[in-house]
Amino acid sequence: MKKQLLLALSLVVVLFLLPISVSGSEVQWYKLIAAQHHFVGGINVWDDGETLYVQYHTNYWEGCRLIETHLAVAQDLDDIPQKNGNPIPGQFPYSREYNPPAIRDDPPYQIPLGDLEKPFIIAAHAVVICDGWEEDETAWAAYCGSKWPFPDARKWAYYMVYPPQ
């Protein structure tokens, strides 16, 4: 009975977190990983041919919430703000703060595609807090099947390729 209830609740959560109406591309989902190992939510990414939409969300049933989000989109990895190979989220062109902390980024980021050609790079960073944690943690979005670290980074950080290859 508990498994059926958990499955039903999970389905409701997934439906709640996906955009209600998506025209254009299929929604791609990426994991949001905090402190290198903790699955704390996800990122939904889609486009309509002219605009890229990116929406962060957390595992609210575990008490996780967004404090900040930072987002960069570029044709090449070298165009993501970095210093000594480490991405610099504070210099990403798109960012938000949430006070109070939020379970979902609403509305999603809307980024004009302009001259970007698929596939392109997305670096999605967040600062999150979860119930039971003593302090907030940094989080990065990663493709569900693999993690693509910044190749020259000395600190942990991931990027995504959109659409997934």
N, C-alpha and C. Protein backbone atom coordinates (compact mmCIF):
# COMPACT_ATOMS: atom_id res chain seq x y z
N MET A 1 0.83 -1.19 0.00
CA MET A 1 0.00 0.00 0.00
C MET A 1 0.87 1.26 0.00
N LYS A 2 1.96 1.22 0.80
CA LYS A 2 2.84 2.39 0.86
C LYS A 2 3.50 2.64 -0.50
N LYS A 3 3.88 1.55 -1.19
CA LYS A 3 4.51 1.72 -2.50
C LYS A 3 3.54 2.33 -3.49
N GLN A 4 2.28 1.92 -3.47
CA GLN A 4 1.27 2.47 -4.38
C GLN A 4 1.04 3.95 -4.09
N LEU A 5 0.97 4.30 -2.82
CA LEU A 5 0.78 5.69 -2.43
C LEU A 5 1.98 6.53 -2.86
N LEU A 6 3.19 6.01 -2.65
CA LEU A 6 4.40 6.72 -3.05
C LEU A 6 4.45 6.90 -4.57
N LEU A 7 4.07 5.86 -5.31
CA LEU A 7 4.04 5.95 -6.76
C LEU A 7 3.03 6.99 -7.23
N ALA A 8 1.85 6.99 -6.64
CA ALA A 8 0.82 7.97 -7.01
C ALA A 8 1.29 9.39 -6.68
N LEU A 9 1.89 9.57 -5.52
CA LEU A 9 2.41 10.88 -5.12
C LEU A 9 3.50 11.33 -6.08
N SER A 10 4.39 10.41 -6.47
CA SER A 10 5.46 10.75 -7.40
C SER A 10 4.90 11.21 -8.74
N LEU A 11 3.86 10.54 -9.22
CA LEU A 11 3.24 10.93 -10.48
C LEU A 11 2.64 12.33 -10.39
N VAL A 12 1.99 12.62 -9.30
CA VAL A 12 1.41 13.95 -9.09
C VAL A 12 2.51 15.01 -9.08
N VAL A 13 3.62 14.71 -8.42
CA VAL A 13 4.74 15.66 -8.35
C VAL A 13 5.30 15.92 -9.74
N VAL A 14 5.52 14.87 -10.52
CA VAL A 14 6.05 15.04 -11.87
C VAL A 14 5.11 15.89 -12.72
N LEU A 15 3.83 15.61 -12.66
CA LEU A 15 2.87 16.40 -13.43
C LEU A 15 2.84 17.85 -12.98
N PHE A 16 2.98 18.09 -11.69
CA PHE A 16 3.00 19.45 -11.15
C PHE A 16 4.23 20.21 -11.63
N LEU A 17 5.36 19.52 -11.71
CA LEU A 17 6.61 20.20 -12.02
C LEU A 17 6.82 20.44 -13.51
N LEU A 18 6.17 19.68 -14.36
CA LEU A 18 6.33 19.91 -15.79
C LEU A 18 5.49 21.10 -16.23
N PRO A 19 5.95 21.82 -17.21
CA PRO A 19 5.14 22.93 -17.72
C PRO A 19 3.81 22.40 -18.23
N ILE A 20 2.77 23.19 -18.06
CA ILE A 20 1.43 22.76 -18.46
C ILE A 20 1.31 22.69 -19.98
N SER A 21 1.86 23.65 -20.67
CA SER A 21 1.74 23.68 -22.12
C SER A 21 3.10 23.92 -22.74
N VAL A 22 3.51 23.02 -23.60
CA VAL A 22 4.80 23.15 -24.25
C VAL A 22 4.60 22.98 -25.74
N SER A 23 4.95 24.01 -26.50
CA SER A 23 4.91 23.88 -27.95
C SER A 23 6.34 23.93 -28.43
N GLY A 24 6.64 23.24 -29.50
CA GLY A 24 8.00 23.21 -30.02
C GLY A 24 8.68 21.92 -29.61
N SER A 25 9.77 22.03 -28.87
CA SER A 25 10.57 20.86 -28.54
C SER A 25 10.00 20.09 -27.35
N GLU A 26 10.49 18.89 -27.22
CA GLU A 26 10.14 18.03 -26.09
C GLU A 26 10.86 18.55 -24.84
N VAL A 27 10.22 18.45 -23.70
CA VAL A 27 10.84 18.88 -22.45
C VAL A 27 11.96 17.91 -22.09
N GLN A 28 13.14 18.46 -21.83
CA GLN A 28 14.28 17.67 -21.36
C GLN A 28 14.41 17.89 -19.86
N TRP A 29 14.67 16.82 -19.14
CA TRP A 29 14.80 16.92 -17.68
C TRP A 29 16.22 16.58 -17.29
N TYR A 30 16.80 17.39 -16.41
CA TYR A 30 18.16 17.18 -15.91
C TYR A 30 18.11 17.13 -14.39
N LYS A 31 18.98 16.34 -13.79
CA LYS A 31 19.05 16.25 -12.32
C LYS A 31 19.69 17.51 -11.75
N LEU A 32 19.27 17.89 -10.57
CA LEU A 32 19.91 18.95 -9.81
C LEU A 32 20.60 18.27 -8.63
N ILE A 33 21.93 18.34 -8.61
CA ILE A 33 22.73 17.61 -7.63
C ILE A 33 23.44 18.61 -6.72
N ALA A 34 23.24 18.45 -5.41
CA ALA A 34 23.88 19.33 -4.43
C ALA A 34 24.99 18.57 -3.69
N ALA A 35 26.00 19.32 -3.27
CA ALA A 35 27.10 18.77 -2.47
C ALA A 35 27.68 17.52 -3.14
N GLN A 36 27.72 17.49 -4.44
CA GLN A 36 28.29 16.46 -5.28
C GLN A 36 27.52 15.14 -5.32
N HIS A 37 26.65 14.86 -4.36
CA HIS A 37 26.04 13.54 -4.28
C HIS A 37 24.54 13.53 -4.01
N HIS A 38 23.95 14.64 -3.64
CA HIS A 38 22.55 14.64 -3.21
C HIS A 38 21.62 15.11 -4.33
N PHE A 39 20.70 14.23 -4.71
CA PHE A 39 19.68 14.57 -5.70
C PHE A 39 18.65 15.44 -4.99
N VAL A 40 18.56 16.72 -5.37
CA VAL A 40 17.68 17.66 -4.67
C VAL A 40 16.59 18.26 -5.56
N GLY A 41 16.55 17.84 -6.82
CA GLY A 41 15.53 18.38 -7.71
C GLY A 41 15.91 18.19 -9.15
N GLY A 42 15.46 19.12 -9.98
CA GLY A 42 15.74 19.01 -11.40
C GLY A 42 15.57 20.32 -12.13
N ILE A 43 15.87 20.25 -13.41
CA ILE A 43 15.74 21.39 -14.30
C ILE A 43 14.97 20.91 -15.52
N ASN A 44 13.91 21.60 -15.87
CA ASN A 44 13.19 21.33 -17.12
C ASN A 44 13.67 22.33 -18.16
N VAL A 45 13.98 21.83 -19.36
CA VAL A 45 14.47 22.69 -20.44
C VAL A 45 13.69 22.37 -21.71
N TRP A 46 13.22 23.39 -22.39
CA TRP A 46 12.53 23.23 -23.67
C TRP A 46 12.64 24.53 -24.45
N ASP A 47 12.29 24.45 -25.74
CA ASP A 47 12.30 25.67 -26.56
C ASP A 47 11.14 25.63 -27.53
N ASP A 48 10.81 26.80 -28.04
CA ASP A 48 9.74 26.90 -29.05
C ASP A 48 10.29 27.35 -30.41
N GLY A 49 11.62 27.23 -30.57
CA GLY A 49 12.26 27.65 -31.81
C GLY A 49 12.82 29.06 -31.76
N GLU A 50 12.27 29.88 -30.89
CA GLU A 50 12.75 31.26 -30.73
C GLU A 50 13.25 31.54 -29.32
N THR A 51 12.68 30.85 -28.34
CA THR A 51 13.01 31.10 -26.93
C THR A 51 13.34 29.78 -26.25
N LEU A 52 14.37 29.82 -25.41
CA LEU A 52 14.73 28.69 -24.56
C LEU A 52 14.09 28.92 -23.20
N TYR A 53 13.47 27.90 -22.65
CA TYR A 53 12.84 27.98 -21.32
C TYR A 53 13.59 27.05 -20.38
N VAL A 54 13.93 27.56 -19.21
CA VAL A 54 14.63 26.76 -18.20
C VAL A 54 13.92 26.99 -16.88
N GLN A 55 13.50 25.88 -16.24
CA GLN A 55 12.78 25.98 -14.98
C GLN A 55 13.40 25.04 -13.95
N TYR A 56 13.82 25.61 -12.83
CA TYR A 56 14.38 24.85 -11.72
C TYR A 56 13.25 24.39 -10.80
N HIS A 57 13.42 23.25 -10.17
CA HIS A 57 12.49 22.80 -9.13
C HIS A 57 13.24 21.90 -8.15
N THR A 58 12.72 21.80 -6.95
CA THR A 58 13.38 20.99 -5.92
C THR A 58 12.48 19.85 -5.46
N ASN A 59 13.06 18.95 -4.69
CA ASN A 59 12.32 17.86 -4.08
C ASN A 59 11.64 18.41 -2.83
N TYR A 60 10.47 19.00 -3.00
CA TYR A 60 9.81 19.64 -1.87
C TYR A 60 9.40 18.65 -0.80
N TRP A 61 9.15 17.38 -1.17
CA TRP A 61 8.76 16.37 -0.17
C TRP A 61 9.91 16.05 0.78
N GLU A 62 11.15 16.46 0.41
CA GLU A 62 12.30 16.31 1.31
C GLU A 62 12.66 17.64 1.94
N GLY A 63 11.83 18.64 1.72
CA GLY A 63 12.07 19.95 2.33
C GLY A 63 13.16 20.76 1.65
N CYS A 64 13.47 20.48 0.38
CA CYS A 64 14.50 21.23 -0.34
C CYS A 64 13.89 22.45 -1.00
N ARG A 65 14.66 23.56 -0.97
CA ARG A 65 14.18 24.82 -1.53
C ARG A 65 15.33 25.58 -2.19
N LEU A 66 14.97 26.37 -3.19
CA LEU A 66 15.94 27.21 -3.90
C LEU A 66 16.18 28.49 -3.12
N ILE A 67 17.44 28.87 -3.01
CA ILE A 67 17.82 30.16 -2.43
C ILE A 67 18.27 31.10 -3.55
N GLU A 68 19.05 30.58 -4.49
CA GLU A 68 19.53 31.34 -5.64
C GLU A 68 19.60 30.41 -6.84
N THR A 69 19.48 30.96 -8.04
CA THR A 69 19.77 30.23 -9.28
C THR A 69 20.62 31.11 -10.17
N HIS A 70 21.51 30.47 -10.93
CA HIS A 70 22.39 31.14 -11.88
C HIS A 70 22.42 30.31 -13.15
N LEU A 71 22.34 30.98 -14.29
CA LEU A 71 22.20 30.27 -15.55
C LEU A 71 23.03 30.94 -16.65
N ALA A 72 23.74 30.11 -17.42
CA ALA A 72 24.48 30.59 -18.59
C ALA A 72 24.19 29.66 -19.75
N VAL A 73 24.02 30.24 -20.93
CA VAL A 73 23.76 29.49 -22.15
C VAL A 73 24.74 30.01 -23.20
N ALA A 74 25.44 29.09 -23.88
CA ALA A 74 26.45 29.51 -24.86
C ALA A 74 26.62 28.44 -25.93
N GLN A 75 27.15 28.85 -27.06
CA GLN A 75 27.41 27.90 -28.14
C GLN A 75 28.54 26.96 -27.77
N ASP A 76 29.56 27.49 -27.10
CA ASP A 76 30.73 26.69 -26.73
C ASP A 76 31.00 26.78 -25.24
N LEU A 77 31.61 25.76 -24.69
CA LEU A 77 31.93 25.73 -23.27
C LEU A 77 32.82 26.90 -22.87
N ASP A 78 33.72 27.30 -23.76
CA ASP A 78 34.62 28.42 -23.45
C ASP A 78 33.88 29.74 -23.28
N ASP A 79 32.64 29.82 -23.75
CA ASP A 79 31.86 31.06 -23.62
C ASP A 79 31.09 31.14 -22.30
N ILE A 80 31.17 30.12 -21.46
CA ILE A 80 30.58 30.15 -20.12
C ILE A 80 31.59 30.87 -19.22
N PRO A 81 31.19 31.86 -18.41
CA PRO A 81 32.14 32.57 -17.54
C PRO A 81 32.91 31.60 -16.65
N GLN A 82 34.26 31.66 -16.75
CA GLN A 82 35.14 30.78 -15.98
C GLN A 82 36.39 31.52 -15.56
N LYS A 83 37.02 31.02 -14.52
CA LYS A 83 38.34 31.49 -14.10
C LYS A 83 39.15 30.25 -13.77
N ASN A 84 40.28 30.10 -14.45
CA ASN A 84 41.14 28.93 -14.27
C ASN A 84 40.37 27.63 -14.47
N GLY A 85 39.42 27.63 -15.41
CA GLY A 85 38.65 26.44 -15.72
C GLY A 85 37.43 26.21 -14.84
N ASN A 86 37.28 26.99 -13.78
CA ASN A 86 36.13 26.85 -12.88
C ASN A 86 35.04 27.83 -13.29
N PRO A 87 33.80 27.33 -13.47
CA PRO A 87 32.71 28.26 -13.79
C PRO A 87 32.47 29.22 -12.63
N ILE A 88 32.03 30.44 -12.98
CA ILE A 88 31.79 31.47 -11.98
C ILE A 88 30.30 31.83 -12.03
N PRO A 89 29.47 31.14 -11.24
CA PRO A 89 28.02 31.37 -11.29
C PRO A 89 27.62 32.82 -11.06
N GLY A 90 28.33 33.55 -10.22
CA GLY A 90 28.01 34.94 -9.95
C GLY A 90 28.16 35.83 -11.18
N GLN A 91 28.85 35.34 -12.21
CA GLN A 91 29.02 36.09 -13.44
C GLN A 91 28.14 35.55 -14.57
N PHE A 92 27.32 34.55 -14.28
CA PHE A 92 26.40 34.05 -15.30
C PHE A 92 25.39 35.16 -15.62
N PRO A 93 24.97 35.28 -16.87
CA PRO A 93 24.11 36.40 -17.26
C PRO A 93 22.69 36.37 -16.70
N TYR A 94 22.24 35.21 -16.23
CA TYR A 94 20.87 35.12 -15.69
C TYR A 94 20.95 34.61 -14.26
N SER A 95 20.25 35.30 -13.35
CA SER A 95 20.26 34.86 -11.95
C SER A 95 19.02 35.38 -11.23
N ARG A 96 18.68 34.67 -10.16
CA ARG A 96 17.55 35.07 -9.30
C ARG A 96 17.86 34.69 -7.87
N GLU A 97 17.28 35.46 -6.95
CA GLU A 97 17.31 35.12 -5.52
C GLU A 97 15.87 34.90 -5.07
N TYR A 98 15.69 34.01 -4.10
CA TYR A 98 14.35 33.66 -3.63
C TYR A 98 14.26 33.92 -2.13
N ASN A 99 13.39 34.84 -1.77
CA ASN A 99 13.18 35.16 -0.36
C ASN A 99 11.68 35.34 -0.15
N PRO A 100 11.03 34.35 0.41
CA PRO A 100 11.59 33.16 1.05
C PRO A 100 12.04 32.14 0.00
N PRO A 101 12.85 31.15 0.42
CA PRO A 101 13.28 30.09 -0.49
C PRO A 101 12.07 29.43 -1.16
N ALA A 102 12.26 29.01 -2.42
CA ALA A 102 11.15 28.51 -3.24
C ALA A 102 11.38 27.05 -3.65
N ILE A 103 10.29 26.33 -3.88
CA ILE A 103 10.41 24.96 -4.38
C ILE A 103 10.47 24.92 -5.90
N ARG A 104 10.06 26.01 -6.54
CA ARG A 104 9.99 26.03 -8.00
C ARG A 104 10.28 27.43 -8.51
N ASP A 105 10.98 27.48 -9.62
CA ASP A 105 11.30 28.73 -10.29
C ASP A 105 10.13 29.08 -11.20
N ASP A 106 9.33 30.07 -10.81
CA ASP A 106 8.15 30.37 -11.59
C ASP A 106 8.00 31.87 -11.74
N PRO A 107 8.02 32.43 -12.93
CA PRO A 107 8.03 31.75 -14.22
C PRO A 107 9.43 31.24 -14.56
N PRO A 108 9.53 30.35 -15.56
CA PRO A 108 10.85 29.86 -15.96
C PRO A 108 11.68 30.98 -16.59
N TYR A 109 13.00 30.77 -16.59
CA TYR A 109 13.84 31.68 -17.36
C TYR A 109 13.43 31.58 -18.82
N GLN A 110 13.44 32.73 -19.52
CA GLN A 110 13.13 32.77 -20.94
C GLN A 110 14.29 33.47 -21.65
N ILE A 111 15.00 32.72 -22.46
CA ILE A 111 16.23 33.22 -23.08
C ILE A 111 16.08 33.18 -24.60
N PRO A 112 16.21 34.33 -25.28
CA PRO A 112 16.12 34.33 -26.74
C PRO A 112 17.23 33.45 -27.34
N LEU A 113 16.86 32.59 -28.28
CA LEU A 113 17.85 31.70 -28.90
C LEU A 113 18.78 32.46 -29.84
N GLY A 114 18.28 33.52 -30.46
CA GLY A 114 19.14 34.34 -31.34
C GLY A 114 19.90 33.49 -32.33
N ASP A 115 21.23 33.61 -32.30
CA ASP A 115 22.09 32.91 -33.24
C ASP A 115 22.55 31.54 -32.74
N LEU A 116 22.09 31.12 -31.57
CA LEU A 116 22.51 29.81 -31.06
C LEU A 116 22.02 28.70 -31.98
N GLU A 117 22.90 27.75 -32.24
CA GLU A 117 22.55 26.59 -33.03
C GLU A 117 22.63 25.36 -32.14
N LYS A 118 21.68 24.45 -32.30
CA LYS A 118 21.70 23.22 -31.52
C LYS A 118 22.77 22.29 -32.06
N PRO A 119 23.48 21.58 -31.21
CA PRO A 119 23.41 21.61 -29.76
C PRO A 119 24.21 22.77 -29.19
N PHE A 120 23.84 23.21 -27.98
CA PHE A 120 24.59 24.26 -27.29
C PHE A 120 24.73 23.88 -25.82
N ILE A 121 25.47 24.71 -25.09
CA ILE A 121 25.84 24.42 -23.71
C ILE A 121 24.96 25.20 -22.74
N ILE A 122 24.56 24.54 -21.65
CA ILE A 122 23.84 25.19 -20.56
C ILE A 122 24.57 24.87 -19.27
N ALA A 123 24.88 25.90 -18.50
CA ALA A 123 25.42 25.72 -17.16
C ALA A 123 24.37 26.26 -16.19
N ALA A 124 23.83 25.37 -15.36
CA ALA A 124 22.75 25.73 -14.45
C ALA A 124 23.18 25.43 -13.02
N HIS A 125 23.32 26.48 -12.23
CA HIS A 125 23.79 26.40 -10.85
C HIS A 125 22.68 26.87 -9.92
N ALA A 126 22.67 26.34 -8.71
CA ALA A 126 21.71 26.79 -7.70
C ALA A 126 22.35 26.72 -6.33
N VAL A 127 21.80 27.47 -5.42
CA VAL A 127 22.10 27.33 -4.00
C VAL A 127 20.81 26.83 -3.37
N VAL A 128 20.89 25.71 -2.66
CA VAL A 128 19.71 25.07 -2.09
C VAL A 128 19.90 24.81 -0.60
N ILE A 129 18.77 24.65 0.07
CA ILE A 129 18.75 24.25 1.48
C ILE A 129 17.69 23.16 1.60
N CYS A 130 17.98 22.14 2.39
CA CYS A 130 17.01 21.06 2.61
C CYS A 130 16.83 20.88 4.12
N ASP A 131 15.65 20.43 4.50
CA ASP A 131 15.38 20.17 5.91
C ASP A 131 16.44 19.23 6.47
N GLY A 132 16.94 19.54 7.64
CA GLY A 132 17.94 18.72 8.28
C GLY A 132 19.38 19.11 7.97
N TRP A 133 19.58 19.99 6.98
CA TRP A 133 20.93 20.45 6.68
C TRP A 133 21.27 21.62 7.59
N GLU A 134 22.52 21.70 7.97
CA GLU A 134 22.96 22.81 8.82
C GLU A 134 23.20 24.08 8.04
N GLU A 135 23.51 23.94 6.76
CA GLU A 135 23.75 25.12 5.92
C GLU A 135 23.35 24.82 4.49
N ASP A 136 23.29 25.89 3.67
CA ASP A 136 22.93 25.69 2.27
C ASP A 136 24.10 25.05 1.52
N GLU A 137 23.79 24.53 0.34
CA GLU A 137 24.78 23.85 -0.49
C GLU A 137 24.67 24.33 -1.92
N THR A 138 25.79 24.24 -2.63
CA THR A 138 25.78 24.54 -4.06
C THR A 138 25.27 23.32 -4.81
N ALA A 139 24.60 23.55 -5.93
CA ALA A 139 24.05 22.47 -6.74
C ALA A 139 24.26 22.79 -8.22
N TRP A 140 24.45 21.74 -9.01
CA TRP A 140 24.61 21.87 -10.45
C TRP A 140 23.66 20.91 -11.14
N ALA A 141 23.15 21.31 -12.28
CA ALA A 141 22.31 20.43 -13.09
C ALA A 141 23.22 19.55 -13.94
N ALA A 142 22.80 18.29 -14.10
CA ALA A 142 23.56 17.33 -14.89
C ALA A 142 22.59 16.44 -15.66
N TYR A 143 23.02 15.98 -16.82
CA TYR A 143 22.20 15.09 -17.62
C TYR A 143 21.95 13.80 -16.84
N CYS A 144 20.76 13.28 -16.92
CA CYS A 144 20.37 12.11 -16.11
C CYS A 144 21.25 10.89 -16.34
N GLY A 145 21.75 10.71 -17.55
CA GLY A 145 22.54 9.52 -17.84
C GLY A 145 24.01 9.66 -17.52
N SER A 146 24.50 10.88 -17.39
CA SER A 146 25.92 11.08 -17.11
C SER A 146 26.14 12.49 -16.59
N LYS A 147 27.27 12.68 -15.98
CA LYS A 147 27.66 14.00 -15.50
C LYS A 147 28.82 14.49 -16.38
N TRP A 148 28.68 15.69 -16.90
CA TRP A 148 29.71 16.26 -17.73
C TRP A 148 30.40 17.37 -16.94
N PRO A 149 31.55 17.06 -16.32
CA PRO A 149 32.23 18.10 -15.55
C PRO A 149 32.95 19.09 -16.46
N PHE A 150 33.12 20.29 -15.97
CA PHE A 150 33.95 21.25 -16.68
C PHE A 150 35.35 20.64 -16.73
N PRO A 151 35.95 20.53 -17.91
CA PRO A 151 37.17 19.74 -18.07
C PRO A 151 38.38 20.24 -17.29
N ASP A 152 38.53 21.54 -17.09
CA ASP A 152 39.71 22.07 -16.41
C ASP A 152 39.42 22.56 -15.00
N ALA A 153 38.23 22.28 -14.50
CA ALA A 153 37.83 22.79 -13.18
C ALA A 153 38.56 22.05 -12.06
N ARG A 154 38.93 22.80 -11.05
CA ARG A 154 39.52 22.22 -9.84
C ARG A 154 38.43 21.97 -8.79
N LYS A 155 37.28 22.61 -9.00
CA LYS A 155 36.12 22.41 -8.12
C LYS A 155 35.08 21.66 -8.92
N TRP A 156 34.17 20.98 -8.23
CA TRP A 156 33.15 20.22 -8.96
C TRP A 156 32.12 21.15 -9.56
N ALA A 157 31.77 20.89 -10.79
CA ALA A 157 30.76 21.66 -11.51
C ALA A 157 30.41 20.90 -12.77
N TYR A 158 29.14 20.98 -13.18
CA TYR A 158 28.68 20.27 -14.36
C TYR A 158 28.07 21.23 -15.36
N TYR A 159 28.04 20.80 -16.61
CA TYR A 159 27.31 21.51 -17.64
C TYR A 159 26.45 20.51 -18.39
N MET A 160 25.55 21.01 -19.23
CA MET A 160 24.65 20.16 -20.00
C MET A 160 24.75 20.55 -21.47
N VAL A 161 24.47 19.60 -22.32
CA VAL A 161 24.34 19.87 -23.75
C VAL A 161 22.86 19.78 -24.08
N TYR A 162 22.36 20.79 -24.77
CA TYR A 162 20.94 20.81 -25.15
C TYR A 162 20.82 20.90 -26.66
N PRO A 163 20.02 20.07 -27.28
CA PRO A 163 19.38 18.91 -26.67
C PRO A 163 20.42 17.83 -26.41
N PRO A 164 20.10 16.88 -25.51
CA PRO A 164 21.06 15.83 -25.16
C PRO A 164 21.49 15.07 -26.42
N GLN A 165 22.75 14.73 -26.47
CA GLN A 165 23.33 14.02 -27.63
C GLN A 165 23.44 12.55 -27.34
